[in-house]
């Protein structure tokens, strides 16, 4: 199967797997990240939860952790949006 033919459900599973690699670090600080949706045009929408939702370091966490993990493991994702990024 061509990677461009992955269904939204399959892409969401790959995204969850990529986020699982960084979740222990988020959880250690009392936070986490939630997948809100993967759109039909492969845009990923996320939300920081717990302490991550109000942390002033959330932008750095997103760029250095979340975005890096997703882009490395799920290259089909074209863009990532975080609804509550500070």
Protein backbone atom coordinates (compact mmCIF):
# COMPACT_ATOMS: atom_id res chain seq x y z
CA UNK A 1 0.00 0.00 0.00
CA UNK A 2 1.28 3.44 -0.92
CA UNK A 3 1.68 5.74 2.12
CA UNK A 4 -0.51 8.30 0.36
CA UNK A 5 -3.35 5.76 0.45
CA UNK A 6 -3.46 5.47 4.25
CA UNK A 7 -6.89 6.04 5.71
CA UNK A 8 -7.54 8.69 8.33
CA UNK A 9 -7.92 5.92 10.91
CA UNK A 10 -4.53 4.43 9.99
CA UNK A 11 -2.87 7.85 10.06
CA UNK A 12 -4.40 8.57 13.45
CA UNK A 13 -3.00 5.28 14.77
CA UNK A 14 0.47 6.15 13.44
CA UNK A 15 0.22 9.59 15.05
CA UNK A 16 -0.81 8.07 18.40
CA UNK A 17 2.14 5.68 18.18
CA UNK A 18 4.53 8.57 17.49
CA UNK A 19 3.12 10.55 20.42
CA UNK A 20 3.48 7.52 22.70
CA UNK A 21 7.25 7.95 22.35
CA UNK A 22 7.11 11.34 24.10
CA UNK A 23 4.08 10.92 26.38
CA UNK A 24 6.15 9.66 29.37
CA UNK A 25 7.98 13.01 29.42
CA UNK A 26 4.73 14.98 29.26
CA UNK A 27 3.10 12.79 31.92
CA UNK A 28 6.12 13.21 34.23
CA UNK A 29 5.24 16.92 34.37
CA UNK A 30 1.52 16.29 34.83
CA UNK A 31 0.49 16.80 31.22
CA UNK A 32 -0.31 15.01 28.01
CA UNK A 33 -1.42 15.63 24.45
CA UNK A 34 -4.68 14.65 22.76
CA UNK A 35 -5.29 14.03 19.07
CA UNK A 36 -8.39 15.99 18.09
CA UNK A 37 -8.43 14.98 14.43
CA UNK A 38 -6.53 14.15 11.30
CA UNK A 39 -8.26 15.95 8.45
CA UNK A 40 -8.84 14.53 5.00
CA UNK A 41 -5.95 16.67 3.72
CA UNK A 42 -3.58 15.24 6.40
CA UNK A 43 -3.59 18.18 8.80
CA UNK A 44 -3.13 17.03 12.40
CA UNK A 45 -4.98 18.92 15.13
CA UNK A 46 -3.80 18.43 18.72
CA UNK A 47 -4.54 19.77 22.17
CA UNK A 48 -2.21 19.96 25.16
CA UNK A 49 -3.93 18.75 28.34
CA UNK A 50 -3.15 18.88 32.04
CA UNK A 51 -0.14 20.98 32.99
CA UNK A 52 0.94 21.13 29.34
CA UNK A 53 -2.17 23.16 28.52
CA UNK A 54 -0.99 26.08 30.65
CA UNK A 55 2.78 25.68 30.58
CA UNK A 56 4.83 28.60 29.23
CA UNK A 57 7.27 26.03 27.78
CA UNK A 58 4.57 24.36 25.65
CA UNK A 59 5.84 26.00 22.45
CA UNK A 60 9.30 24.50 23.00
CA UNK A 61 7.75 21.14 23.92
CA UNK A 62 5.75 21.24 20.72
CA UNK A 63 8.67 22.16 18.44
CA UNK A 64 11.36 19.98 20.01
CA UNK A 65 9.23 17.01 21.03
CA UNK A 66 5.81 16.65 19.51
CA UNK A 67 6.45 18.07 16.05
CA UNK A 68 9.76 16.25 15.71
CA UNK A 69 8.29 12.88 16.72
CA UNK A 70 5.32 13.18 14.38
CA UNK A 71 7.31 14.43 11.38
CA UNK A 72 9.90 11.68 11.82
CA UNK A 73 7.43 8.81 12.21
CA UNK A 74 4.43 10.04 10.21
CA UNK A 75 5.75 11.92 7.17
CA UNK A 76 2.28 11.82 5.58
CA UNK A 77 1.16 14.59 7.98
CA UNK A 78 1.42 17.90 6.10
CA UNK A 79 0.95 20.30 9.02
CA UNK A 80 0.32 20.22 12.76
CA UNK A 81 -1.92 22.63 14.65
CA UNK A 82 -2.23 22.81 18.43
CA UNK A 83 -5.47 24.45 19.52
CA UNK A 84 -4.24 25.76 22.86
CA UNK A 85 -0.56 26.49 22.26
CA UNK A 86 0.57 29.34 24.53
